[in-house]
């Protein structure tokens, strides 16, 4: 997820370029270690307005819709990860140009929690924080303890480029909803944007004289052709099979409709027993049973499986858009990297081909006890302009929450394909929340104990569904877990 420090560590803790470890990515939505929670409970209970007075409101104008005090200091702390800090420093320069009398203090650190913990305790947090990385603060706890500013005023403000458009109307699908935890307030603004799906070499597909398969019968045909040429149809991160949902979940949504994914997210009874789930599990299991999965895949980690795929040993791999950077050292120059939305079953699917999973990453928050919340939101408004978005995409090869910002930029093959996939999807973008809301359930139980065992051929789809439904039911009944529901 964006520039979290996890991108430099493998899922097993080993080094890996551009690595976004799922659990740390998921932590972006408020799941972190118990010590962090106890710190936040302490800071929330400390009350502390000891940091001095808040900045007085400025004059609201067309150019200053959030009524920023033009002489009030503004402090911005960025997570210093794989995205670097240059994009944020560039956006700060725009703020300084717009408010020349304001003193801006900008800092970047990898130690968000340990750096900011004392300041939350004292009631003196910065005005804007990129709350990312291994030391990410629990945003669910922050919100529940009234430590965050509701960003609705930012979203309802005129966009930086076009006063006729609200900021919320310039964002990609799902960004606003991701920032909500319970009810209508928006506590988090996710700045980066990840496309999940099935990644492949267009060159390899062309060598089979095939197009990307839209139905499962076509998928099996392509895999059979690949097998005859000595190439497996699929591989995946066998040691970390929670990668499989990157293509499996949107397939379930395509086959059965969004409501199936919502029911799964909501931990509803029998959600996993929906016919669409069974049909998609059966389809993936068929790949395994017919020998279309690269031999030895269950023993491969994410780097090993991606390397085998890049070397042409397998045609398809489920992954996120970070794979282009993460595997840059092994992907051949003529690979012609591409991503597609998941293959469906047939014409009876509820949603059209092109239905894809894409969602936000890199969570920005405005602390409620900061002195200049309006300034923090204004800095985000600047970052959500077309120019700042283009700057980010051009420098770090990732999309932003701004719905555009790619015109005039030379896009890498994977990024170009991701943009095309989003355009094809249109409104058919799904965003399963179970990996954000229930990390252990998603990673260890659904992923390893359920899908991992099924794809290794050790249990059947029916057995996997029964196990997973049991895990979901247990999570639903566990009072120690914070439960969320789609609003």
Protein backbone atom coordinates (compact mmCIF):
# COMPACT_ATOMS: atom_id res chain seq x y z
CA UNK A 1 0.00 0.00 0.00
CA UNK A 2 1.87 2.98 -1.20
CA UNK A 3 4.98 3.84 0.66
CA UNK A 4 4.60 1.77 3.77
CA UNK A 5 7.89 0.51 5.08
CA UNK A 6 6.55 -2.95 4.44
CA UNK A 7 7.39 -2.46 0.81
CA UNK A 8 11.01 -3.08 1.69
CA UNK A 9 10.32 -6.31 3.51
CA UNK A 10 9.11 -9.66 2.29
CA UNK A 11 6.00 -11.30 3.68
CA UNK A 12 8.30 -13.55 5.63
CA UNK A 13 10.39 -10.66 6.85
CA UNK A 14 13.03 -11.05 4.16
CA UNK A 15 14.20 -8.20 2.03
CA UNK A 16 12.31 -7.45 -1.16
CA UNK A 17 12.31 -4.40 -3.41
CA UNK A 18 9.02 -2.49 -3.33
CA UNK A 19 7.39 -5.02 -1.01
CA UNK A 20 3.99 -4.18 0.43
CA UNK A 21 3.35 -6.74 3.14
CA UNK A 22 -0.39 -7.39 3.29
CA UNK A 23 -0.78 -7.22 7.02
CA UNK A 24 0.98 -3.88 7.16
CA UNK A 25 -0.98 -2.67 4.17
CA UNK A 26 -4.14 -3.73 5.92
CA UNK A 27 -3.00 -1.99 9.06
CA UNK A 28 -3.61 1.21 7.15
CA UNK A 29 -7.27 0.83 8.06
CA UNK A 30 -6.75 0.73 11.78
CA UNK A 31 -5.25 -2.60 12.70
CA UNK A 32 -1.99 -2.46 14.59
CA UNK A 33 -0.30 -3.94 17.60
CA UNK A 34 -1.76 -3.82 21.10
CA UNK A 35 0.98 -1.48 22.38
CA UNK A 36 -0.11 1.11 19.84
CA UNK A 37 -3.69 0.79 21.01
CA UNK A 38 -2.76 1.25 24.63
CA UNK A 39 -0.73 4.33 23.73
CA UNK A 40 -3.68 5.78 21.90
CA UNK A 41 -6.04 4.99 24.74
CA UNK A 42 -3.65 6.81 27.03
CA UNK A 43 -3.30 9.77 24.75
CA UNK A 44 -7.04 9.97 24.27
CA UNK A 45 -7.69 9.89 27.99
CA UNK A 46 -5.03 12.49 28.70
CA UNK A 47 -7.34 15.15 27.37
CA UNK A 48 -4.41 17.51 26.99
CA UNK A 49 -4.90 20.81 25.27
CA UNK A 50 -1.54 21.75 26.71
CA UNK A 51 -0.10 22.64 23.36
CA UNK A 52 -1.49 26.16 23.21
CA UNK A 53 -4.32 27.81 21.34
CA UNK A 54 -5.66 26.72 17.99
CA UNK A 55 -5.20 29.04 15.03
CA UNK A 56 -8.07 31.45 14.53
CA UNK A 57 -10.07 30.99 11.36
CA UNK A 58 -9.06 33.03 8.38
CA UNK A 59 -11.25 34.73 5.81
CA UNK A 60 -13.20 32.40 3.58
CA UNK A 61 -12.78 33.30 -0.09
CA UNK A 62 -13.03 31.57 -3.45
CA UNK A 63 -9.30 30.85 -3.29
CA UNK A 64 -9.42 29.98 0.40
CA UNK A 65 -12.64 27.95 0.78
CA UNK A 66 -11.52 26.30 4.03
CA UNK A 67 -10.87 29.69 5.65
CA UNK A 68 -7.22 28.95 6.41
CA UNK A 69 -5.52 31.55 8.62
CA UNK A 70 -2.98 32.85 6.13
CA UNK A 71 -0.38 33.60 8.80
CA UNK A 72 -0.85 30.55 11.02
CA UNK A 73 1.95 27.95 11.11
CA UNK A 74 1.17 24.54 9.58
CA UNK A 75 2.99 21.33 10.44
CA UNK A 76 3.08 18.25 8.19
CA UNK A 77 4.70 14.91 9.10
CA UNK A 78 5.13 12.42 6.25
CA UNK A 79 5.97 8.73 6.37
CA UNK A 80 9.35 8.39 4.64
CA UNK A 81 8.89 5.17 2.65
CA UNK A 82 9.05 3.90 -0.90
CA UNK A 83 7.26 6.93 -2.30
CA UNK A 84 9.94 9.18 -0.84
CA UNK A 85 9.25 12.73 0.27
CA UNK A 86 9.83 14.83 -2.83
CA UNK A 87 6.18 14.76 -3.93
CA UNK A 88 5.10 16.09 -0.53
CA UNK A 89 7.85 18.72 -0.44
CA UNK A 90 6.66 19.94 -3.84
CA UNK A 91 3.08 20.22 -2.54
CA UNK A 92 4.31 22.12 0.53
CA UNK A 93 5.95 24.68 -1.77
CA UNK A 94 2.54 25.35 -3.32
CA UNK A 95 1.04 25.87 0.16
CA UNK A 96 3.86 28.32 0.97
CA UNK A 97 3.23 30.17 -2.29
CA UNK A 98 -0.50 30.40 -1.56
CA UNK A 99 0.08 31.49 2.06
CA UNK A 100 3.43 33.35 2.01
CA UNK A 101 3.02 34.61 5.59
CA UNK A 102 2.55 31.10 6.97
CA UNK A 103 5.51 29.19 8.32
CA UNK A 104 5.36 25.50 7.28
CA UNK A 105 7.24 22.87 9.23
CA UNK A 106 7.71 19.68 7.22
CA UNK A 107 9.35 16.48 8.42
CA UNK A 108 9.61 12.91 7.14
CA UNK A 109 10.18 9.86 9.33
CA UNK A 110 9.79 6.10 9.25
CA UNK A 111 8.89 6.06 12.95
CA UNK A 112 5.43 7.59 12.92
CA UNK A 113 4.20 6.14 16.21
CA UNK A 114 7.30 6.60 18.33
CA UNK A 115 7.85 10.10 16.95
CA UNK A 116 4.27 11.26 17.43
CA UNK A 117 3.19 9.29 20.51
CA UNK A 118 4.51 11.86 23.02
CA UNK A 119 2.86 14.64 21.05
CA UNK A 120 -0.55 12.96 21.04
CA UNK A 121 -0.12 12.43 24.78
CA UNK A 122 0.61 16.13 25.23
CA UNK A 123 -2.22 17.22 22.94
CA UNK A 124 0.22 18.79 20.46
CA UNK A 125 0.06 16.65 17.30
CA UNK A 126 0.94 18.02 13.84
CA UNK A 127 -1.74 19.37 11.52
CA UNK A 128 -1.34 16.66 8.85
CA UNK A 129 0.11 13.15 9.12
CA UNK A 130 0.83 10.47 6.55
CA UNK A 131 0.00 7.66 8.97
CA UNK A 132 1.78 4.81 7.24
CA UNK A 133 4.53 2.25 7.69
CA UNK A 134 5.35 -0.38 10.27
CA UNK A 135 4.74 2.12 13.09
CA UNK A 136 1.30 3.03 11.87
CA UNK A 137 -1.17 4.32 14.44
CA UNK A 138 -4.50 2.55 14.88
CA UNK A 139 -6.98 4.80 13.13
CA UNK A 140 -10.01 2.97 14.47
CA UNK A 141 -8.87 3.79 17.99
CA UNK A 142 -7.93 7.36 17.04
CA UNK A 143 -11.37 7.97 15.56
CA UNK A 144 -13.24 6.37 18.45
CA UNK A 145 -11.29 8.52 20.93
CA UNK A 146 -12.09 11.76 19.08
CA UNK A 147 -8.48 12.25 18.00
CA UNK A 148 -9.22 12.82 14.29
CA UNK A 149 -10.79 15.66 12.32
CA UNK A 150 -13.76 14.77 10.12
CA UNK A 151 -12.57 15.53 6.57
CA UNK A 152 -16.06 16.14 5.19
CA UNK A 153 -15.40 19.93 4.92
CA UNK A 154 -12.40 19.15 2.70
CA UNK A 155 -14.43 16.79 0.52
CA UNK A 156 -17.24 19.33 0.15
CA UNK A 157 -14.86 22.20 -0.61
CA UNK A 158 -14.29 23.32 -4.21
CA UNK A 159 -11.47 21.39 -5.87
CA UNK A 160 -8.16 23.16 -6.30
CA UNK A 161 -8.46 23.20 -10.10
CA UNK A 162 -12.16 23.71 -10.72
CA UNK A 163 -14.34 25.68 -8.28
CA UNK A 164 -17.43 24.16 -9.92
CA UNK A 165 -16.37 20.69 -8.70
CA UNK A 166 -16.18 19.55 -5.10
CA UNK A 167 -13.04 17.71 -4.04
CA UNK A 168 -15.09 14.53 -3.52
CA UNK A 169 -16.21 14.67 -7.17
CA UNK A 170 -12.59 14.49 -8.36
CA UNK A 171 -11.72 11.29 -6.47
CA UNK A 172 -11.52 7.72 -7.69
CA UNK A 173 -14.26 5.23 -6.75
CA UNK A 174 -14.19 3.99 -3.17
CA UNK A 175 -11.80 6.59 -1.73
CA UNK A 176 -14.44 8.38 0.35
CA UNK A 177 -15.95 5.12 1.60
CA UNK A 178 -12.55 3.78 2.64
CA UNK A 179 -12.06 6.80 4.87
CA UNK A 180 -15.25 6.03 6.77
CA UNK A 181 -15.17 3.63 9.70
CA UNK A 182 -18.61 3.90 11.28
CA UNK A 183 -21.26 6.19 9.87
CA UNK A 184 -20.81 9.22 7.68
CA UNK A 185 -17.69 11.02 9.01
CA UNK A 186 -14.60 10.60 6.84
CA UNK A 187 -11.55 10.26 9.06
CA UNK A 188 -8.91 9.22 6.51
CA UNK A 189 -7.90 10.33 3.02
CA UNK A 190 -6.11 7.57 1.12
CA UNK A 191 -3.78 9.25 -1.34
CA UNK A 192 -2.27 6.42 -3.40
CA UNK A 193 -4.36 4.02 -5.49
CA UNK A 194 -3.74 0.31 -6.11
CA UNK A 195 -5.14 -1.83 -8.92
CA UNK A 196 -5.52 -5.53 -8.09
CA UNK A 197 -6.07 -8.23 -10.68
CA UNK A 198 -4.48 -10.85 -12.90
CA UNK A 199 -1.03 -9.81 -14.18
CA UNK A 200 0.60 -11.29 -17.24
CA UNK A 201 3.00 -10.78 -20.13
CA UNK A 202 1.18 -9.62 -23.23
CA UNK A 203 4.12 -10.98 -25.24
CA UNK A 204 3.60 -14.44 -23.74
CA UNK A 205 -0.14 -14.30 -24.40
CA UNK A 206 0.51 -13.24 -28.00
CA UNK A 207 2.89 -16.18 -28.43
CA UNK A 208 -0.08 -18.46 -27.69
CA UNK A 209 -2.14 -16.57 -30.28
CA UNK A 210 -4.69 -15.86 -27.56
CA UNK A 211 -6.45 -12.89 -26.02
CA UNK A 212 -7.04 -12.48 -22.30
CA UNK A 213 -9.88 -14.92 -21.43
CA UNK A 214 -13.20 -13.37 -20.41
CA UNK A 215 -15.00 -16.63 -19.50
CA UNK A 216 -13.74 -19.59 -17.49
CA UNK A 217 -14.00 -21.96 -20.46
CA UNK A 218 -11.71 -19.59 -22.35
CA UNK A 219 -9.36 -19.50 -19.34
CA UNK A 220 -9.07 -23.28 -19.36
CA UNK A 221 -8.39 -23.23 -23.11
CA UNK A 222 -5.57 -20.70 -22.70
CA UNK A 223 -4.07 -22.66 -19.80
CA UNK A 224 -4.19 -25.89 -21.84
CA UNK A 225 -2.36 -24.16 -24.70
CA UNK A 226 0.25 -22.80 -22.30
CA UNK A 227 0.78 -26.23 -20.77
CA UNK A 228 1.47 -27.75 -24.19
CA UNK A 229 4.20 -25.14 -24.66
CA UNK A 230 5.74 -25.99 -21.29
CA UNK A 231 4.32 -22.99 -19.45
CA UNK A 232 2.01 -23.23 -16.44
CA UNK A 233 -1.21 -21.26 -16.61
CA UNK A 234 -0.91 -19.84 -13.10
CA UNK A 235 1.32 -19.32 -10.12
CA UNK A 236 0.80 -17.35 -6.90
CA UNK A 237 2.46 -16.66 -3.57
CA UNK A 238 1.96 -20.15 -2.19
CA UNK A 239 3.39 -19.38 1.23
CA UNK A 240 1.14 -16.32 1.44
CA UNK A 241 -2.04 -17.41 -0.34
CA UNK A 242 -3.91 -14.32 0.80
CA UNK A 243 -2.69 -12.96 -2.55
CA UNK A 244 -5.25 -15.22 -4.28
CA UNK A 245 -8.19 -12.96 -3.27
CA UNK A 246 -6.70 -10.12 -5.34
CA UNK A 247 -8.35 -11.83 -8.30
CA UNK A 248 -10.71 -14.26 -6.56
CA UNK A 249 -12.73 -11.67 -4.60
CA UNK A 250 -13.55 -9.45 -7.59
CA UNK A 251 -14.45 -12.61 -9.51
CA UNK A 252 -16.93 -13.50 -6.75
CA UNK A 253 -18.33 -9.97 -6.99
CA UNK A 254 -18.59 -10.23 -10.78
CA UNK A 255 -20.38 -13.58 -10.63
CA UNK A 256 -22.71 -12.89 -7.70
CA UNK A 257 -22.88 -9.10 -7.41
CA UNK A 258 -21.46 -6.62 -4.92
CA UNK A 259 -23.89 -7.77 -2.25
CA UNK A 260 -22.03 -11.09 -1.95
CA UNK A 261 -18.79 -9.31 -1.10
CA UNK A 262 -20.62 -6.97 1.29
CA UNK A 263 -22.13 -9.95 3.12
CA UNK A 264 -18.66 -11.49 3.45
CA UNK A 265 -17.25 -8.21 4.76
CA UNK A 266 -20.13 -7.89 7.22
CA UNK A 267 -19.46 -11.41 8.58
CA UNK A 268 -23.05 -12.37 7.84
CA UNK A 269 -24.12 -15.97 8.58
CA UNK A 270 -23.72 -18.25 5.55
CA UNK A 271 -22.16 -15.49 3.44
CA UNK A 272 -19.49 -17.91 2.22
CA UNK A 273 -22.13 -20.45 1.23
CA UNK A 274 -23.45 -18.24 -1.57
CA UNK A 275 -23.53 -20.09 -4.93
CA UNK A 276 -21.17 -17.49 -6.45
CA UNK A 277 -18.50 -18.31 -3.85
CA UNK A 278 -18.84 -22.03 -4.54
CA UNK A 279 -18.68 -21.49 -8.31
CA UNK A 280 -15.51 -19.39 -8.08
CA UNK A 281 -13.82 -21.76 -5.62
CA UNK A 282 -14.65 -24.64 -7.98
CA UNK A 283 -13.13 -22.70 -10.90
CA UNK A 284 -9.84 -22.06 -9.09
CA UNK A 285 -9.71 -25.63 -7.81
CA UNK A 286 -10.09 -26.82 -11.40
CA UNK A 287 -6.84 -25.03 -12.28
CA UNK A 288 -5.11 -27.07 -9.59
CA UNK A 289 -6.78 -30.35 -10.50
CA UNK A 290 -5.94 -30.04 -14.20
CA UNK A 291 -2.29 -29.27 -13.52
CA UNK A 292 -2.48 -25.68 -14.72
CA UNK A 293 -0.74 -24.28 -11.61
CA UNK A 294 3.07 -24.17 -11.66
CA UNK A 295 4.45 -27.22 -9.90
CA UNK A 296 5.79 -26.37 -6.45
CA UNK A 297 3.79 -23.13 -6.17
CA UNK A 298 2.49 -23.91 -2.63
CA UNK A 299 6.10 -23.72 -1.42
CA UNK A 300 6.95 -20.40 -3.11
CA UNK A 301 6.92 -17.02 -1.43
CA UNK A 302 5.83 -13.84 -3.20
CA UNK A 303 9.27 -13.04 -4.64
CA UNK A 304 9.90 -16.60 -5.83
CA UNK A 305 6.50 -16.89 -7.51
CA UNK A 306 6.85 -13.49 -9.17
CA UNK A 307 10.33 -14.40 -10.38
CA UNK A 308 9.11 -17.68 -11.88
CA UNK A 309 6.28 -15.78 -13.57
CA UNK A 310 8.66 -13.10 -14.89
CA UNK A 311 10.90 -15.85 -16.25
CA UNK A 312 7.98 -17.21 -18.28
CA UNK A 313 7.35 -20.33 -16.22
CA UNK A 314 3.74 -19.27 -15.64
CA UNK A 315 1.39 -17.04 -17.59
CA UNK A 316 -0.87 -15.49 -14.92
CA UNK A 317 -0.35 -14.28 -11.35
CA UNK A 318 -2.80 -12.55 -8.97
CA UNK A 319 -1.22 -9.39 -7.58
CA UNK A 320 -1.43 -5.65 -7.01
CA UNK A 321 0.06 -2.82 -9.05
CA UNK A 322 3.15 -2.69 -6.82
CA UNK A 323 4.35 -5.84 -8.63
CA UNK A 324 5.81 -3.72 -11.44
CA UNK A 325 8.25 -2.05 -9.09
CA UNK A 326 8.74 -5.05 -6.85
CA UNK A 327 9.75 -7.31 -9.76
CA UNK A 328 11.49 -4.65 -11.85
CA UNK A 329 14.84 -6.40 -11.55
CA UNK A 330 13.51 -9.68 -13.02
CA UNK A 331 10.87 -8.56 -15.54
CA UNK A 332 12.42 -8.58 -19.05
CA UNK A 333 12.34 -5.32 -20.98
CA UNK A 334 10.19 -6.87 -23.70
CA UNK A 335 7.79 -8.52 -21.21
CA UNK A 336 4.99 -6.06 -22.04
CA UNK A 337 3.47 -6.19 -18.55
CA UNK A 338 -0.31 -6.05 -18.41
CA UNK A 339 -3.12 -6.43 -15.89
CA UNK A 340 -6.69 -7.49 -16.44
CA UNK A 341 -9.81 -7.70 -14.38
CA UNK A 342 -10.55 -11.30 -13.37
CA UNK A 343 -12.00 -13.78 -15.80
CA UNK A 344 -15.65 -14.52 -15.05
CA UNK A 345 -17.69 -17.68 -15.41
CA UNK A 346 -20.02 -16.92 -18.31
CA UNK A 347 -22.72 -14.55 -19.55
CA UNK A 348 -24.87 -15.24 -16.48
CA UNK A 349 -22.50 -13.25 -14.23
CA UNK A 350 -24.18 -10.34 -12.43
CA UNK A 351 -21.51 -7.78 -13.39
CA UNK A 352 -19.77 -7.32 -16.77
CA UNK A 353 -16.27 -8.36 -17.70
CA UNK A 354 -13.93 -5.61 -16.56
CA UNK A 355 -15.16 -5.62 -12.96
CA UNK A 356 -12.00 -5.07 -10.95
CA UNK A 357 -10.75 -4.49 -7.41
CA UNK A 358 -9.03 -1.16 -6.89
CA UNK A 359 -8.64 0.79 -3.67
CA UNK A 360 -6.78 3.49 -1.85
CA UNK A 361 -3.58 3.36 0.14
CA UNK A 362 -1.28 5.77 1.98
CA UNK A 363 -3.61 7.13 4.66
CA UNK A 364 -3.49 10.82 5.57
CA UNK A 365 -5.13 12.12 8.74
CA UNK A 366 -5.70 15.54 10.29
CA UNK A 367 -5.45 15.31 14.11
CA UNK A 368 -8.33 16.94 15.97
CA UNK A 369 -5.99 18.57 18.47
CA UNK A 370 -3.63 20.04 15.91
CA UNK A 371 -3.44 23.82 15.99
CA UNK A 372 -4.27 24.31 12.31
CA UNK A 373 -6.68 21.64 11.04
CA UNK A 374 -7.85 23.93 8.24
CA UNK A 375 -4.24 24.21 7.07
CA UNK A 376 -3.83 20.44 7.15
CA UNK A 377 -6.94 19.99 5.02
CA UNK A 378 -5.83 22.73 2.63
CA UNK A 379 -2.52 20.92 2.13
CA UNK A 380 -4.50 17.81 1.17
CA UNK A 381 -6.66 19.89 -1.19
CA UNK A 382 -3.47 21.01 -2.92
CA UNK A 383 -2.20 17.42 -3.12
CA UNK A 384 -5.48 16.42 -4.76
CA UNK A 385 -4.99 18.89 -7.59
CA UNK A 386 -4.18 17.66 -11.08
CA UNK A 387 -0.66 19.11 -10.99
CA UNK A 388 0.25 17.50 -7.66
CA UNK A 389 -1.27 14.20 -8.72
CA UNK A 390 0.71 14.23 -11.97
CA UNK A 391 3.84 15.05 -10.03
CA UNK A 392 3.29 12.07 -7.73
CA UNK A 393 2.51 9.64 -10.55
CA UNK A 394 5.44 10.79 -12.66
CA UNK A 395 7.91 10.47 -9.80
CA UNK A 396 6.78 7.30 -8.02
CA UNK A 397 4.95 5.35 -10.77
CA UNK A 398 1.71 5.04 -8.83
CA UNK A 399 -1.76 6.46 -9.31
CA UNK A 400 -3.31 8.78 -6.76
CA UNK A 401 -6.81 9.18 -5.37
CA UNK A 402 -7.33 11.98 -7.89
CA UNK A 403 -9.33 10.56 -10.80
CA UNK A 404 -6.96 11.56 -13.59
CA UNK A 405 -3.57 13.17 -13.52
CA UNK A 406 -1.92 10.94 -16.12
CA UNK A 407 -2.18 13.10 -19.24
CA UNK A 408 1.24 14.00 -20.63
CA UNK A 409 3.07 11.48 -18.44
CA UNK A 410 5.00 8.62 -20.01
CA UNK A 411 3.45 5.68 -18.20
CA UNK A 412 5.26 2.42 -17.52
CA UNK A 413 3.62 -0.64 -19.13
CA UNK A 414 2.00 -1.84 -15.90
CA UNK A 415 0.74 1.61 -14.96
CA UNK A 416 -0.60 2.19 -18.46
CA UNK A 417 -2.40 -1.15 -18.35
CA UNK A 418 -3.78 -0.37 -14.89
CA UNK A 419 -5.20 2.94 -16.12
CA UNK A 420 -6.80 1.15 -19.08
CA UNK A 421 -8.28 -1.49 -16.76
CA UNK A 422 -9.83 1.22 -14.58
CA UNK A 423 -11.26 2.96 -17.64
CA UNK A 424 -12.78 -0.32 -18.81
CA UNK A 425 -14.23 -1.00 -15.36
CA UNK A 426 -15.98 2.37 -15.15
CA UNK A 427 -18.30 2.14 -12.16
CA UNK A 428 -17.67 -1.61 -11.81
CA UNK A 429 -14.90 -1.22 -9.25
CA UNK A 430 -15.26 -3.34 -6.12
CA UNK A 431 -13.44 -2.84 -2.84
CA UNK A 432 -13.64 -5.81 -0.45
CA UNK A 433 -12.97 -4.59 3.07
CA UNK A 434 -12.35 -7.87 4.87
CA UNK A 435 -8.57 -7.58 4.43
CA UNK A 436 -8.68 -4.16 6.08
CA UNK A 437 -11.22 -4.86 8.79
CA UNK A 438 -10.15 -8.37 9.86
CA UNK A 439 -6.48 -8.97 9.15
CA UNK A 440 -6.03 -12.25 11.00
CA UNK A 441 -9.21 -13.72 9.52
CA UNK A 442 -8.20 -12.72 6.01
CA UNK A 443 -4.52 -13.60 6.18
CA UNK A 444 -4.15 -16.66 8.38
CA UNK A 445 -7.58 -18.27 8.20
CA UNK A 446 -9.20 -17.51 4.83
CA UNK A 447 -5.81 -17.27 3.12
CA UNK A 448 -3.51 -19.91 4.58
CA UNK A 449 -5.91 -22.38 6.24
CA UNK A 450 -8.64 -22.13 3.60
CA UNK A 451 -7.51 -21.08 0.12
CA UNK A 452 -3.93 -22.23 0.63
CA UNK A 453 -5.00 -25.74 1.55
CA UNK A 454 -7.53 -25.88 -1.27
CA UNK A 455 -5.07 -24.74 -3.94
CA UNK A 456 -2.49 -27.22 -2.66
CA UNK A 457 -5.11 -29.91 -3.28
CA UNK A 458 -5.35 -30.91 0.36
CA UNK A 459 -9.02 -29.97 0.80
CA UNK A 460 -11.94 -29.60 -1.60
CA UNK A 461 -13.80 -26.35 -2.32
CA UNK A 462 -16.72 -27.55 -0.17
CA UNK A 463 -14.37 -28.27 2.72
CA UNK A 464 -12.64 -24.91 2.28
CA UNK A 465 -15.97 -23.05 2.34
CA UNK A 466 -17.05 -24.89 5.50
CA UNK A 467 -13.75 -24.03 7.22
CA UNK A 468 -13.84 -20.39 6.15
CA UNK A 469 -17.48 -19.92 7.17
CA UNK A 470 -16.54 -21.32 10.59
CA UNK A 471 -13.68 -18.84 10.88
CA UNK A 472 -15.97 -15.95 9.88
CA UNK A 473 -18.66 -17.03 12.36
CA UNK A 474 -16.08 -17.17 15.15
CA UNK A 475 -14.82 -13.69 14.27
CA UNK A 476 -18.40 -12.38 14.26
CA UNK A 477 -18.94 -13.70 17.79
CA UNK A 478 -15.59 -12.51 19.16
CA UNK A 479 -16.32 -9.52 21.40
CA UNK A 480 -12.62 -8.60 21.53
CA UNK A 481 -12.69 -7.72 17.84
CA UNK A 482 -13.95 -4.35 16.60
CA UNK A 483 -16.69 -5.13 14.08
CA UNK A 484 -17.53 -3.06 11.02
CA UNK A 485 -20.38 -3.09 8.52
CA UNK A 486 -20.99 -1.49 5.16
CA UNK A 487 -23.19 1.56 5.65
